[in-house]
Amino acid sequence: MNTSKGFSLIEALIATVILGVLLVAVLGPIGNLFRMSKSNQQLLDNTTLAQQTVESVLNAWKDPVRFEQACLDLTAEPLPDGVTVTVQPLDDVASPTAPAAALANCPAAAHPAPLKRVRVTASAGGPQAVVVVDVRAP
């Protein structure tokens, strides 16, 4: 009669296989979480960059002349890499009165309009972020 205590080789192999399957099932999705986290961080970085650019435009446009010209002093305040800005004149009810155009360097031709739609797109690596703001004349 065999009275030895312990595991046989077959039992140890089966336990190892079961443990391996469980580890793959649990650890597999963790890699996806890290990739999603990196993508979300890049989107957050681009959104922050777009919002900061909008703030720069809004601060510059406190000057009525700059607002009317829809411009920014791009030599003193260049746009960050990966950022584009378009401006579209709007009427009193926010309907476009002309097609959107790239943000001009001051001084520029005047585009009188009571409102302007500013669209900032940031794509400095990772997912693209877009911030759109309607700005009333100062």
Protein backbone atom coordinates (compact mmCIF):
# COMPACT_ATOMS: atom_id res chain seq x y z
CA MET A 1 0.00 0.00 0.00
CA ASN A 2 1.31 3.47 -1.01
CA THR A 3 1.11 5.81 1.96
CA SER A 4 3.38 8.58 0.68
CA LYS A 5 2.20 12.08 1.27
CA GLY A 6 2.62 14.94 -1.22
CA PHE A 7 1.77 15.71 -4.83
CA SER A 8 2.41 13.51 -7.78
CA LEU A 9 4.14 14.91 -10.87
CA ILE A 10 0.83 14.99 -12.77
CA GLU A 11 -0.88 16.97 -10.00
CA ALA A 12 1.96 19.49 -9.92
CA LEU A 13 1.81 19.95 -13.72
CA ILE A 14 -1.96 20.45 -13.69
CA ALA A 15 -1.65 23.03 -10.88
CA THR A 16 1.06 24.87 -12.85
CA VAL A 17 -1.09 24.96 -16.01
CA ILE A 18 -4.09 26.26 -14.07
CA LEU A 19 -1.95 28.92 -12.41
CA GLY A 20 -0.52 29.95 -15.81
CA VAL A 21 -3.98 30.29 -17.37
CA LEU A 22 -5.18 32.40 -14.43
CA LEU A 23 -2.13 34.69 -14.63
CA VAL A 24 -2.64 35.27 -18.36
CA ALA A 25 -6.34 36.01 -17.80
CA VAL A 26 -5.59 38.49 -15.01
CA LEU A 27 -2.43 40.18 -16.33
CA GLY A 28 -3.45 40.44 -20.02
CA PRO A 29 -5.85 43.37 -19.59
CA ILE A 30 -3.32 45.31 -17.52
CA GLY A 31 -1.26 46.04 -20.65
CA ASN A 32 -4.38 47.53 -22.28
CA LEU A 33 -4.93 49.72 -19.23
CA PHE A 34 -1.41 51.13 -19.52
CA ARG A 35 -1.93 51.90 -23.23
CA MET A 36 -5.26 53.59 -22.52
CA SER A 37 -3.69 55.58 -19.70
CA LYS A 38 -0.92 56.85 -22.00
CA SER A 39 -3.45 57.80 -24.70
CA ASN A 40 -5.62 59.62 -22.16
CA GLN A 41 -2.59 61.49 -20.82
CA GLN A 42 -1.66 62.61 -24.35
CA LEU A 43 -5.25 63.78 -24.94
CA LEU A 44 -5.19 65.68 -21.66
CA ASP A 45 -1.86 67.30 -22.60
CA ASN A 46 -3.23 68.35 -26.01
CA THR A 47 -6.44 69.70 -24.46
CA THR A 48 -4.43 71.73 -21.95
CA LEU A 49 -2.26 73.08 -24.76
CA ALA A 50 -5.36 74.08 -26.76
CA GLN A 51 -6.93 75.77 -23.73
CA GLN A 52 -3.74 77.71 -23.01
CA THR A 53 -3.67 78.89 -26.63
CA VAL A 54 -7.30 80.04 -26.38
CA GLU A 55 -6.39 81.99 -23.24
CA SER A 56 -3.51 83.67 -25.10
CA VAL A 57 -5.86 84.71 -27.90
CA LEU A 58 -8.49 85.97 -25.46
CA ASN A 59 -5.91 88.02 -23.54
CA ALA A 60 -4.58 89.55 -26.76
CA TRP A 61 -8.09 90.32 -27.96
CA LYS A 62 -8.88 92.51 -24.97
CA ASP A 63 -7.43 95.14 -27.30
CA PRO A 64 -10.33 96.07 -29.66
CA VAL A 65 -7.95 96.59 -32.60
CA ARG A 66 -6.53 93.09 -32.29
CA PHE A 67 -10.03 91.67 -31.97
CA GLU A 68 -11.20 93.47 -35.10
CA GLN A 69 -8.12 92.34 -37.03
CA ALA A 70 -8.48 88.77 -35.65
CA CYS A 71 -4.74 88.67 -35.12
CA LEU A 72 -2.04 87.79 -32.63
CA ASP A 73 1.56 88.95 -32.50
CA LEU A 74 2.96 85.62 -33.63
CA THR A 75 6.55 86.85 -33.62
CA ALA A 76 6.40 87.72 -29.90
CA GLU A 77 3.97 84.91 -29.01
CA PRO A 78 4.45 82.07 -31.52
CA LEU A 79 1.95 79.25 -31.50
CA PRO A 80 3.22 76.05 -29.89
CA ASP A 81 4.24 73.19 -32.18
CA GLY A 82 1.29 71.09 -33.27
CA VAL A 83 -1.25 73.88 -32.67
CA THR A 84 -3.39 75.50 -35.36
CA VAL A 85 -5.86 78.33 -34.83
CA THR A 86 -8.66 79.40 -37.14
CA VAL A 87 -10.95 82.40 -36.72
CA GLN A 88 -14.41 82.83 -38.22
CA PRO A 89 -16.41 86.07 -38.06
CA LEU A 90 -19.98 85.68 -36.78
CA ASP A 91 -23.03 87.92 -36.73
CA ASP A 92 -25.11 88.79 -33.64
CA VAL A 93 -26.84 85.39 -33.61
CA ALA A 94 -23.56 83.45 -34.06
CA SER A 95 -24.12 82.67 -37.73
CA PRO A 96 -20.94 82.66 -39.84
CA THR A 97 -20.52 85.69 -42.08
CA ALA A 98 -17.34 84.44 -43.80
CA PRO A 99 -15.33 81.24 -43.98
CA ALA A 100 -12.86 80.41 -41.23
CA ALA A 101 -9.28 81.54 -41.82
CA ALA A 102 -5.98 80.93 -40.08
CA LEU A 103 -5.08 83.26 -37.24
CA ALA A 104 -3.20 86.20 -38.73
CA ASN A 105 -0.04 87.88 -37.55
CA CYS A 106 -0.65 91.48 -36.40
CA PRO A 107 -1.16 93.91 -37.99
CA ALA A 108 -3.74 92.40 -40.32
CA ALA A 109 -6.71 93.53 -42.36
CA ALA A 110 -9.76 94.34 -40.26
CA HIS A 111 -12.70 91.91 -40.16
CA PRO A 112 -15.39 93.80 -38.27
CA ALA A 113 -17.83 91.42 -36.64
CA PRO A 114 -19.55 91.44 -33.24
CA LEU A 115 -18.48 87.84 -32.58
CA LYS A 116 -15.61 85.63 -33.67
CA ARG A 117 -15.37 81.86 -33.42
CA VAL A 118 -11.90 80.67 -32.44
CA ARG A 119 -11.08 77.02 -33.14
CA VAL A 120 -7.83 75.70 -31.67
CA THR A 121 -6.60 72.28 -32.69
CA ALA A 122 -3.71 70.69 -30.80
CA SER A 123 -2.15 67.47 -32.03
CA ALA A 124 1.33 67.44 -30.51
CA GLY A 125 1.53 63.65 -30.36
CA GLY A 126 -1.38 61.42 -29.45
CA PRO A 127 -5.07 62.09 -29.96
CA GLN A 128 -6.11 65.45 -31.38
CA ALA A 129 -7.84 67.95 -29.07
CA VAL A 130 -10.13 70.70 -30.37
CA VAL A 131 -11.37 73.69 -28.36
CA VAL A 132 -13.94 76.04 -29.91
CA VAL A 133 -14.86 79.37 -28.30
CA ASP A 134 -17.12 82.19 -29.48
CA VAL A 135 -15.69 85.57 -28.44
CA ARG A 136 -17.65 88.83 -28.23
CA ALA A 137 -16.01 92.13 -29.17
CA PRO A 138 -14.50 93.95 -26.17
